[in-house]
């Protein structure tokens, strides 16, 4: 079981930046797949970015590619999401997710494959 706590959300103007953090408990963090998902009002939860535990390979949704960067610090048990050039359509609750059993690349994109979730942090981008 991995417990996750997100932080770093807030209100920012379009074109601005935010960095989200997700602090994880548990000794298996370095091997865990970590993902960021988001959910806007009235919409389904969608994949944003993910990072492998084994080699820190990264994956991004097309909508954030080139603007967002996911990274991890295994010593601090923390994963980050650096968000630049933010747009109003990035407004959502952002959730951190973790799982130690993901293997196939496609699994990293699927919310249903992650067994551990944080409570979420609100990101609001004003136009």
Foldseek 3Di string as FASTA:
>chain_A
DKAKAKDWADEEAAQAKIKMKIAIDDPCLLQKKKFKWWDDPPGDIFGAKIFGSPPRDIDGDPVQPPFWDWDDDVVRRMIMIIGGRDDQVVWTWMKMFIDNPDDDPVLSGDPVNTDYIYPTDTHGYHD
